[in-house]
All heavy atoms as atom14 arrays in JSON, in Angstrom:
{
  "sequence": "TEQDSLLRLALNHATWTVQDVGQTVHRWAGTAAIRRGPIDRFLR",
  "atom14_mask": [
    [1, 1, 1, 1, 1, 1, 1, 0, 0, 0, 0, 0, 0, 0],
    [1, 1, 1, 1, 1, 1, 1, 1, 1, 0, 0, 0, 0, 0],
    [1, 1, 1, 1, 1, 1, 1, 1, 1, 0, 0, 0, 0, 0],
    [1, 1, 1, 1, 1, 1, 1, 1, 0, 0, 0, 0, 0, 0],
    [1, 1, 1, 1, 1, 1, 0, 0, 0, 0, 0, 0, 0, 0],
    [1, 1, 1, 1, 1, 1, 1, 1, 0, 0, 0, 0, 0, 0],
    [1, 1, 1, 1, 1, 1, 1, 1, 0, 0, 0, 0, 0, 0],
    [1, 1, 1, 1, 1, 1, 1, 1, 1, 1, 1, 0, 0, 0],
    [1, 1, 1, 1, 1, 1, 1, 1, 0, 0, 0, 0, 0, 0],
    [1, 1, 1, 1, 1, 0, 0, 0, 0, 0, 0, 0, 0, 0],
    [1, 1, 1, 1, 1, 1, 1, 1, 0, 0, 0, 0, 0, 0],
    [1, 1, 1, 1, 1, 1, 1, 1, 0, 0, 0, 0, 0, 0],
    [1, 1, 1, 1, 1, 1, 1, 1, 1, 1, 0, 0, 0, 0],
    [1, 1, 1, 1, 1, 0, 0, 0, 0, 0, 0, 0, 0, 0],
    [1, 1, 1, 1, 1, 1, 1, 0, 0, 0, 0, 0, 0, 0],
    [1, 1, 1, 1, 1, 1, 1, 1, 1, 1, 1, 1, 1, 1],
    [1, 1, 1, 1, 1, 1, 1, 0, 0, 0, 0, 0, 0, 0],
    [1, 1, 1, 1, 1, 1, 1, 0, 0, 0, 0, 0, 0, 0],
    [1, 1, 1, 1, 1, 1, 1, 1, 1, 0, 0, 0, 0, 0],
    [1, 1, 1, 1, 1, 1, 1, 1, 0, 0, 0, 0, 0, 0],
    [1, 1, 1, 1, 1, 1, 1, 0, 0, 0, 0, 0, 0, 0],
    [1, 1, 1, 1, 0, 0, 0, 0, 0, 0, 0, 0, 0, 0],
    [1, 1, 1, 1, 1, 1, 1, 1, 1, 0, 0, 0, 0, 0],
    [1, 1, 1, 1, 1, 1, 1, 0, 0, 0, 0, 0, 0, 0],
    [1, 1, 1, 1, 1, 1, 1, 0, 0, 0, 0, 0, 0, 0],
    [1, 1, 1, 1, 1, 1, 1, 1, 1, 1, 0, 0, 0, 0],
    [1, 1, 1, 1, 1, 1, 1, 1, 1, 1, 1, 0, 0, 0],
    [1, 1, 1, 1, 1, 1, 1, 1, 1, 1, 1, 1, 1, 1],
    [1, 1, 1, 1, 1, 0, 0, 0, 0, 0, 0, 0, 0, 0],
    [1, 1, 1, 1, 0, 0, 0, 0, 0, 0, 0, 0, 0, 0],
    [1, 1, 1, 1, 1, 1, 1, 0, 0, 0, 0, 0, 0, 0],
    [1, 1, 1, 1, 1, 0, 0, 0, 0, 0, 0, 0, 0, 0],
    [1, 1, 1, 1, 1, 0, 0, 0, 0, 0, 0, 0, 0, 0],
    [1, 1, 1, 1, 1, 1, 1, 1, 0, 0, 0, 0, 0, 0],
    [1, 1, 1, 1, 1, 1, 1, 1, 1, 1, 1, 0, 0, 0],
    [1, 1, 1, 1, 1, 1, 1, 1, 1, 1, 1, 0, 0, 0],
    [1, 1, 1, 1, 0, 0, 0, 0, 0, 0, 0, 0, 0, 0],
    [1, 1, 1, 1, 1, 1, 1, 0, 0, 0, 0, 0, 0, 0],
    [1, 1, 1, 1, 1, 1, 1, 1, 0, 0, 0, 0, 0, 0],
    [1, 1, 1, 1, 1, 1, 1, 1, 0, 0, 0, 0, 0, 0],
    [1, 1, 1, 1, 1, 1, 1, 1, 1, 1, 1, 0, 0, 0],
    [1, 1, 1, 1, 1, 1, 1, 1, 1, 1, 1, 0, 0, 0],
    [1, 1, 1, 1, 1, 1, 1, 1, 0, 0, 0, 0, 0, 0],
    [1, 1, 1, 1, 1, 1, 1, 1, 1, 1, 1, 0, 0, 0]
  ],
  "atom14_positions": [
    [[-9.47, -17.7, 19.37], [-10.1, -17.49, 18.06], [-10.43, -16.02, 17.85], [-10.24, -15.48, 16.76], [-11.36, -18.36, 17.91], [-11.01, -19.72, 18.14], [-11.97, -18.22, 16.53], [0.0, 0.0, 0.0], [0.0, 0.0, 0.0], [0.0, 0.0, 0.0], [0.0, 0.0, 0.0], [0.0, 0.0, 0.0], [0.0, 0.0, 0.0], [0.0, 0.0, 0.0]],
    [[-10.9, -15.37, 18.9], [-11.2, -13.95, 18.78], [-9.92, -13.15, 18.5], [-9.89, -12.29, 17.61], [-11.85, -13.43, 20.06], [-12.2, -11.96, 20.01], [-12.86, -11.46, 21.28], [-12.84, -12.16, 22.3], [-13.38, -10.33, 21.24], [0.0, 0.0, 0.0], [0.0, 0.0, 0.0], [0.0, 0.0, 0.0], [0.0, 0.0, 0.0], [0.0, 0.0, 0.0]],
    [[-8.88, -13.46, 19.24], [-7.61, -12.77, 19.04], [-7.06, -13.02, 17.64], [-6.62, -12.09, 16.97], [-6.6, -13.22, 20.08], [-5.32, -12.43, 20.05], [-4.41, -12.79, 21.21], [-4.69, -13.69, 22.0], [-3.32, -12.07, 21.32], [0.0, 0.0, 0.0], [0.0, 0.0, 0.0], [0.0, 0.0, 0.0], [0.0, 0.0, 0.0], [0.0, 0.0, 0.0]],
    [[-7.12, -14.26, 17.18], [-6.66, -14.58, 15.82], [-7.48, -13.86, 14.77], [-6.95, -13.36, 13.78], [-6.71, -16.09, 15.57], [-5.62, -16.85, 16.3], [-4.67, -16.22, 16.81], [-5.73, -18.09, 16.37], [0.0, 0.0, 0.0], [0.0, 0.0, 0.0], [0.0, 0.0, 0.0], [0.0, 0.0, 0.0], [0.0, 0.0, 0.0], [0.0, 0.0, 0.0]],
    [[-8.79, -13.81, 14.96], [-9.66, -13.13, 14.01], [-9.36, -11.64, 13.94], [-9.26, -11.06, 12.85], [-11.14, -13.33, 14.37], [-11.48, -14.69, 14.3], [0.0, 0.0, 0.0], [0.0, 0.0, 0.0], [0.0, 0.0, 0.0], [0.0, 0.0, 0.0], [0.0, 0.0, 0.0], [0.0, 0.0, 0.0], [0.0, 0.0, 0.0], [0.0, 0.0, 0.0]],
    [[-9.2, -11.02, 15.11], [-8.9, -9.59, 15.14], [-7.53, -9.29, 14.55], [-7.35, -8.27, 13.87], [-9.01, -9.06, 16.57], [-10.42, -9.09, 17.17], [-10.39, -8.64, 18.63], [-11.38, -8.24, 16.36], [0.0, 0.0, 0.0], [0.0, 0.0, 0.0], [0.0, 0.0, 0.0], [0.0, 0.0, 0.0], [0.0, 0.0, 0.0], [0.0, 0.0, 0.0]],
    [[-6.58, -10.17, 14.78], [-5.25, -10.0, 14.2], [-5.31, -10.08, 12.68], [-4.7, -9.27, 11.98], [-4.29, -11.06, 14.75], [-2.87, -11.01, 14.23], [-2.17, -9.75, 14.72], [-2.12, -12.23, 14.7], [0.0, 0.0, 0.0], [0.0, 0.0, 0.0], [0.0, 0.0, 0.0], [0.0, 0.0, 0.0], [0.0, 0.0, 0.0], [0.0, 0.0, 0.0]],
    [[-6.06, -11.03, 12.16], [-6.2, -11.18, 10.71], [-6.92, -9.96, 10.11], [-6.56, -9.49, 9.03], [-6.95, -12.46, 10.37], [-6.13, -13.72, 10.64], [-7.0, -14.95, 10.58], [-6.54, -16.24, 10.92], [-5.34, -16.71, 11.19], [-4.31, -15.94, 11.16], [-5.1, -17.97, 11.49], [0.0, 0.0, 0.0], [0.0, 0.0, 0.0], [0.0, 0.0, 0.0]],
    [[-7.91, -9.45, 10.82], [-8.59, -8.24, 10.35], [-7.65, -7.04, 10.34], [-7.66, -6.23, 9.4], [-9.81, -7.92, 11.22], [-11.05, -8.76, 10.97], [-12.11, -8.43, 12.02], [-11.6, -8.53, 9.59], [0.0, 0.0, 0.0], [0.0, 0.0, 0.0], [0.0, 0.0, 0.0], [0.0, 0.0, 0.0], [0.0, 0.0, 0.0], [0.0, 0.0, 0.0]],
    [[-6.84, -6.92, 11.38], [-5.89, -5.8, 11.44], [-4.88, -5.89, 10.3], [-4.55, -4.88, 9.67], [-5.18, -5.8, 12.79], [0.0, 0.0, 0.0], [0.0, 0.0, 0.0], [0.0, 0.0, 0.0], [0.0, 0.0, 0.0], [0.0, 0.0, 0.0], [0.0, 0.0, 0.0], [0.0, 0.0, 0.0], [0.0, 0.0, 0.0], [0.0, 0.0, 0.0]],
    [[-4.39, -7.1, 10.03], [-3.44, -7.3, 8.94], [-4.08, -6.94, 7.6], [-3.49, -6.24, 6.77], [-2.94, -8.73, 8.91], [-2.04, -9.11, 7.73], [-0.77, -8.27, 7.74], [-1.7, -10.6, 7.8], [0.0, 0.0, 0.0], [0.0, 0.0, 0.0], [0.0, 0.0, 0.0], [0.0, 0.0, 0.0], [0.0, 0.0, 0.0], [0.0, 0.0, 0.0]],
    [[-5.31, -7.39, 7.39], [-6.02, -7.09, 6.14], [-6.22, -5.59, 6.0], [-5.97, -5.01, 4.94], [-7.36, -7.83, 6.13], [-8.1, -7.65, 4.83], [-8.69, -6.61, 4.59], [-8.07, -8.66, 3.99], [0.0, 0.0, 0.0], [0.0, 0.0, 0.0], [0.0, 0.0, 0.0], [0.0, 0.0, 0.0], [0.0, 0.0, 0.0], [0.0, 0.0, 0.0]],
    [[-6.66, -4.96, 7.07], [-6.9, -3.51, 7.03], [-5.61, -2.75, 6.74], [-5.58, -1.83, 5.9], [-7.52, -3.04, 8.34], [-7.75, -1.58, 8.4], [-8.7, -0.95, 7.64], [-7.13, -0.6, 9.1], [-8.68, 0.35, 7.89], [-7.72, 0.58, 8.77], [0.0, 0.0, 0.0], [0.0, 0.0, 0.0], [0.0, 0.0, 0.0], [0.0, 0.0, 0.0]],
    [[-4.53, -3.11, 7.43], [-3.25, -2.42, 7.22], [-2.76, -2.6, 5.78], [-2.31, -1.64, 5.14], [-2.21, -2.95, 8.2], [0.0, 0.0, 0.0], [0.0, 0.0, 0.0], [0.0, 0.0, 0.0], [0.0, 0.0, 0.0], [0.0, 0.0, 0.0], [0.0, 0.0, 0.0], [0.0, 0.0, 0.0], [0.0, 0.0, 0.0], [0.0, 0.0, 0.0]],
    [[-2.87, -3.81, 5.26], [-2.42, -4.09, 3.9], [-3.16, -3.24, 2.88], [-2.55, -2.6, 2.01], [-2.59, -5.58, 3.56], [-1.83, -6.35, 4.48], [-2.16, -5.89, 2.14], [0.0, 0.0, 0.0], [0.0, 0.0, 0.0], [0.0, 0.0, 0.0], [0.0, 0.0, 0.0], [0.0, 0.0, 0.0], [0.0, 0.0, 0.0], [0.0, 0.0, 0.0]],
    [[-4.48, -3.22, 2.97], [-5.26, -2.49, 1.98], [-5.2, -0.98, 2.19], [-5.27, -0.21, 1.23], [-6.7, -3.0, 1.96], [-6.73, -4.34, 1.29], [-6.75, -5.57, 1.9], [-6.67, -4.59, -0.12], [-6.71, -6.56, 0.95], [-6.67, -5.99, -0.3], [-6.61, -3.78, -1.24], [-6.61, -6.59, -1.55], [-6.57, -4.37, -2.49], [-6.58, -5.77, -2.64]],
    [[-5.01, -0.52, 3.43], [-4.84, 0.9, 3.68], [-3.54, 1.4, 3.09], [-3.49, 2.47, 2.44], [-4.9, 1.2, 5.19], [-6.18, 0.78, 5.68], [-4.7, 2.68, 5.48], [0.0, 0.0, 0.0], [0.0, 0.0, 0.0], [0.0, 0.0, 0.0], [0.0, 0.0, 0.0], [0.0, 0.0, 0.0], [0.0, 0.0, 0.0], [0.0, 0.0, 0.0]],
    [[-2.47, 0.65, 3.28], [-1.18, 1.02, 2.7], [-1.25, 1.02, 1.18], [-0.66, 1.87, 0.52], [-0.05, 0.1, 3.23], [1.24, 0.3, 2.48], [0.16, 0.34, 4.71], [0.0, 0.0, 0.0], [0.0, 0.0, 0.0], [0.0, 0.0, 0.0], [0.0, 0.0, 0.0], [0.0, 0.0, 0.0], [0.0, 0.0, 0.0], [0.0, 0.0, 0.0]],
    [[-1.98, 0.07, 0.61], [-2.17, 0.04, -0.85], [-2.87, 1.31, -1.3], [-2.48, 1.91, -2.31], [-2.98, -1.2, -1.25], [-3.45, -1.21, -2.69], [-2.33, -1.36, -3.7], [-1.19, -1.62, -3.37], [-2.66, -1.18, -4.96], [0.0, 0.0, 0.0], [0.0, 0.0, 0.0], [0.0, 0.0, 0.0], [0.0, 0.0, 0.0], [0.0, 0.0, 0.0]],
    [[-3.88, 1.76, -0.57], [-4.58, 3.0, -0.91], [-3.64, 4.21, -0.83], [-3.67, 5.09, -1.69], [-5.77, 3.23, 0.01], [-6.93, 2.28, -0.27], [-6.94, 1.65, -1.35], [-7.81, 2.16, 0.61], [0.0, 0.0, 0.0], [0.0, 0.0, 0.0], [0.0, 0.0, 0.0], [0.0, 0.0, 0.0], [0.0, 0.0, 0.0], [0.0, 0.0, 0.0]],
    [[-2.8, 4.24, 0.19], [-1.82, 5.33, 0.31], [-0.87, 5.3, -0.88], [-0.55, 6.34, -1.46], [-1.05, 5.22, 1.64], [0.13, 6.19, 1.68], [-1.98, 5.46, 2.83], [0.0, 0.0, 0.0], [0.0, 0.0, 0.0], [0.0, 0.0, 0.0], [0.0, 0.0, 0.0], [0.0, 0.0, 0.0], [0.0, 0.0, 0.0], [0.0, 0.0, 0.0]],
    [[-0.43, 4.1, -1.25], [0.46, 3.96, -2.4], [-0.18, 4.46, -3.69], [0.49, 5.1, -4.51], [0.0, 0.0, 0.0], [0.0, 0.0, 0.0], [0.0, 0.0, 0.0], [0.0, 0.0, 0.0], [0.0, 0.0, 0.0], [0.0, 0.0, 0.0], [0.0, 0.0, 0.0], [0.0, 0.0, 0.0], [0.0, 0.0, 0.0], [0.0, 0.0, 0.0]],
    [[-1.45, 4.2, -3.85], [-2.15, 4.69, -5.05], [-2.21, 6.22, -5.05], [-2.09, 6.85, -6.11], [-3.56, 4.09, -5.12], [-3.57, 2.61, -5.4], [-2.93, 2.28, -6.74], [-3.06, 3.0, -7.72], [-2.2, 1.17, -6.78], [0.0, 0.0, 0.0], [0.0, 0.0, 0.0], [0.0, 0.0, 0.0], [0.0, 0.0, 0.0], [0.0, 0.0, 0.0]],
    [[-2.38, 6.81, -3.88], [-2.39, 8.26, -3.79], [-1.02, 8.83, -4.14], [-0.9, 9.81, -4.89], [-2.81, 8.71, -2.37], [-4.12, 8.21, -2.12], [-2.81, 10.22, -2.24], [0.0, 0.0, 0.0], [0.0, 0.0, 0.0], [0.0, 0.0, 0.0], [0.0, 0.0, 0.0], [0.0, 0.0, 0.0], [0.0, 0.0, 0.0], [0.0, 0.0, 0.0]],
    [[0.03, 8.2, -3.62], [1.39, 8.62, -3.95], [1.61, 8.52, -5.45], [2.2, 9.41, -6.07], [2.43, 7.79, -3.17], [3.84, 8.02, -3.71], [2.36, 8.1, -1.69], [0.0, 0.0, 0.0], [0.0, 0.0, 0.0], [0.0, 0.0, 0.0], [0.0, 0.0, 0.0], [0.0, 0.0, 0.0], [0.0, 0.0, 0.0], [0.0, 0.0, 0.0]],
    [[1.13, 7.45, -6.04], [1.28, 7.25, -7.49], [0.63, 8.39, -8.26], [1.2, 8.93, -9.21], [0.68, 5.9, -7.89], [0.83, 5.59, -9.33], [-0.18, 5.82, -10.25], [1.85, 5.05, -10.02], [0.23, 5.45, -11.44], [1.46, 4.98, -11.33], [0.0, 0.0, 0.0], [0.0, 0.0, 0.0], [0.0, 0.0, 0.0], [0.0, 0.0, 0.0]],
    [[-0.58, 8.77, -7.86], [-1.27, 9.88, -8.54], [-0.51, 11.19, -8.38], [-0.42, 11.98, -9.31], [-2.69, 10.02, -8.0], [-3.66, 9.0, -8.57], [-5.1, 9.36, -8.25], [-5.36, 9.49, -6.83], [-5.68, 8.49, -6.02], [-5.76, 7.26, -6.49], [-5.92, 8.69, -4.75], [0.0, 0.0, 0.0], [0.0, 0.0, 0.0], [0.0, 0.0, 0.0]],
    [[0.01, 11.45, -7.2], [0.69, 12.72, -6.92], [2.1, 12.75, -7.51], [2.66, 13.83, -7.68], [0.76, 12.98, -5.43], [-0.56, 13.28, -4.8], [-1.75, 13.5, -5.42], [-0.83, 13.39, -3.41], [-2.74, 13.73, -4.51], [-2.21, 13.67, -3.25], [-0.06, 13.26, -2.28], [-2.8, 13.84, -2.02], [-0.66, 13.43, -1.04], [-2.01, 13.72, -0.92]],
    [[2.7, 11.61, -7.77], [4.09, 11.55, -8.23], [4.25, 11.97, -9.68], [5.37, 12.22, -10.13], [4.66, 10.15, -8.03], [0.0, 0.0, 0.0], [0.0, 0.0, 0.0], [0.0, 0.0, 0.0], [0.0, 0.0, 0.0], [0.0, 0.0, 0.0], [0.0, 0.0, 0.0], [0.0, 0.0, 0.0], [0.0, 0.0, 0.0], [0.0, 0.0, 0.0]],
    [[3.18, 12.0, -10.41], [3.27, 12.38, -11.82], [4.11, 11.4, -12.61], [4.05, 10.19, -12.39], [0.0, 0.0, 0.0], [0.0, 0.0, 0.0], [0.0, 0.0, 0.0], [0.0, 0.0, 0.0], [0.0, 0.0, 0.0], [0.0, 0.0, 0.0], [0.0, 0.0, 0.0], [0.0, 0.0, 0.0], [0.0, 0.0, 0.0], [0.0, 0.0, 0.0]],
    [[4.93, 11.91, -13.5], [5.72, 11.01, -14.36], [6.83, 10.29, -13.61], [7.36, 9.3, -14.11], [6.33, 11.79, -15.54], [7.15, 12.84, -15.04], [5.23, 12.35, -16.44], [0.0, 0.0, 0.0], [0.0, 0.0, 0.0], [0.0, 0.0, 0.0], [0.0, 0.0, 0.0], [0.0, 0.0, 0.0], [0.0, 0.0, 0.0], [0.0, 0.0, 0.0]],
    [[7.19, 10.77, -12.42], [8.22, 10.06, -11.63], [7.77, 8.65, -11.29], [8.6, 7.75, -11.11], [8.53, 10.83, -10.35], [0.0, 0.0, 0.0], [0.0, 0.0, 0.0], [0.0, 0.0, 0.0], [0.0, 0.0, 0.0], [0.0, 0.0, 0.0], [0.0, 0.0, 0.0], [0.0, 0.0, 0.0], [0.0, 0.0, 0.0], [0.0, 0.0, 0.0]],
    [[6.48, 8.43, -11.23], [5.96, 7.11, -10.87], [6.09, 6.09, -12.0], [5.99, 4.89, -11.76], [4.49, 7.22, -10.47], [0.0, 0.0, 0.0], [0.0, 0.0, 0.0], [0.0, 0.0, 0.0], [0.0, 0.0, 0.0], [0.0, 0.0, 0.0], [0.0, 0.0, 0.0], [0.0, 0.0, 0.0], [0.0, 0.0, 0.0], [0.0, 0.0, 0.0]],
    [[6.33, 6.55, -13.22], [6.42, 5.59, -14.32], [7.86, 5.2, -14.64], [8.09, 4.36, -15.5], [5.73, 6.13, -15.6], [6.42, 7.39, -16.1], [4.25, 6.35, -15.34], [5.89, 7.88, -17.44], [0.0, 0.0, 0.0], [0.0, 0.0, 0.0], [0.0, 0.0, 0.0], [0.0, 0.0, 0.0], [0.0, 0.0, 0.0], [0.0, 0.0, 0.0]],
    [[8.81, 5.79, -13.92], [10.22, 5.46, -14.14], [10.7, 4.46, -13.09], [10.18, 4.42, -11.99], [11.06, 6.73, -14.06], [10.76, 7.69, -15.19], [11.71, 8.88, -15.13], [11.41, 9.81, -16.2], [10.5, 10.77, -16.11], [9.8, 10.94, -15.02], [10.28, 11.58, -17.14], [0.0, 0.0, 0.0], [0.0, 0.0, 0.0], [0.0, 0.0, 0.0]],
    [[11.72, 3.7, -13.44], [12.32, 2.79, -12.46], [12.92, 3.62, -11.33], [13.59, 4.6, -11.55], [13.41, 1.95, -13.1], [12.88, 0.85, -13.97], [13.87, -0.32, -13.91], [13.42, -1.48, -14.64], [12.52, -2.35, -14.19], [11.95, -2.17, -13.05], [12.2, -3.39, -14.91], [0.0, 0.0, 0.0], [0.0, 0.0, 0.0], [0.0, 0.0, 0.0]],
    [[12.64, 3.19, -10.12], [13.16, 3.9, -8.96], [12.4, 3.51, -7.71], [11.62, 2.54, -7.71], [0.0, 0.0, 0.0], [0.0, 0.0, 0.0], [0.0, 0.0, 0.0], [0.0, 0.0, 0.0], [0.0, 0.0, 0.0], [0.0, 0.0, 0.0], [0.0, 0.0, 0.0], [0.0, 0.0, 0.0], [0.0, 0.0, 0.0], [0.0, 0.0, 0.0]],
    [[12.57, 4.25, -6.65], [11.95, 3.88, -5.37], [10.42, 3.83, -5.42], [9.82, 2.92, -4.87], [12.42, 4.97, -4.4], [13.54, 5.67, -5.06], [13.43, 5.42, -6.53], [0.0, 0.0, 0.0], [0.0, 0.0, 0.0], [0.0, 0.0, 0.0], [0.0, 0.0, 0.0], [0.0, 0.0, 0.0], [0.0, 0.0, 0.0], [0.0, 0.0, 0.0]],
    [[9.81, 4.81, -6.07], [8.33, 4.82, -6.12], [7.83, 3.6, -6.88], [6.9, 2.91, -6.42], [7.8, 6.12, -6.75], [8.14, 7.31, -5.85], [6.29, 6.04, -6.98], [7.78, 8.66, -6.44], [0.0, 0.0, 0.0], [0.0, 0.0, 0.0], [0.0, 0.0, 0.0], [0.0, 0.0, 0.0], [0.0, 0.0, 0.0], [0.0, 0.0, 0.0]],
    [[8.44, 3.29, -8.0], [8.06, 2.11, -8.78], [8.2, 0.84, -7.95], [7.31, 0.0, -7.91], [8.93, 2.04, -10.04], [8.7, 0.78, -10.85], [7.54, 0.52, -11.22], [9.69, 0.06, -11.09], [0.0, 0.0, 0.0], [0.0, 0.0, 0.0], [0.0, 0.0, 0.0], [0.0, 0.0, 0.0], [0.0, 0.0, 0.0], [0.0, 0.0, 0.0]],
    [[9.32, 0.71, -7.25], [9.55, -0.48, -6.44], [8.54, -0.59, -5.29], [7.98, -1.65, -5.02], [10.98, -0.46, -5.88], [11.34, -1.76, -5.18], [12.77, -1.77, -4.65], [12.92, -0.84, -3.53], [13.63, 0.28, -3.55], [14.3, 0.64, -4.64], [13.71, 1.07, -2.5], [0.0, 0.0, 0.0], [0.0, 0.0, 0.0], [0.0, 0.0, 0.0]],
    [[8.28, 0.52, -4.61], [7.32, 0.51, -3.5], [5.92, 0.14, -3.99], [5.2, -0.62, -3.33], [7.28, 1.86, -2.79], [8.55, 2.21, -2.07], [9.0, 3.5, -2.04], [9.31, 1.23, -1.43], [10.18, 3.84, -1.38], [10.49, 1.55, -0.76], [10.92, 2.86, -0.74], [0.0, 0.0, 0.0], [0.0, 0.0, 0.0], [0.0, 0.0, 0.0]],
    [[5.54, 0.67, -5.15], [4.21, 0.35, -5.68], [4.09, -1.13, -6.02], [3.06, -1.75, -5.77], [3.9, 1.22, -6.9], [3.65, 2.69, -6.6], [3.55, 3.47, -7.89], [2.4, 2.86, -5.76], [0.0, 0.0, 0.0], [0.0, 0.0, 0.0], [0.0, 0.0, 0.0], [0.0, 0.0, 0.0], [0.0, 0.0, 0.0], [0.0, 0.0, 0.0]],
    [[5.15, -1.7, -6.59], [5.13, -3.14, -6.88], [5.05, -3.95, -5.59], [4.31, -4.92, -5.5], [6.36, -3.55, -7.69], [6.24, -3.19, -9.16], [7.42, -3.7, -9.98], [8.55, -2.79, -9.77], [9.75, -3.15, -9.35], [10.03, -4.41, -9.1], [10.7, -2.25, -9.2], [0.0, 0.0, 0.0], [0.0, 0.0, 0.0], [0.0, 0.0, 0.0]]
  ]
}
């Protein structure tokens, strides 16, 4: 149970951390982020 709990916490942390990184990329990408392409797909 401890191992499962820690694994679930690690997954949650990784998911939301990557989302935060993606939001930073979106801000820095400027208008490239609003066009269809790799950045748009990664953000979705």
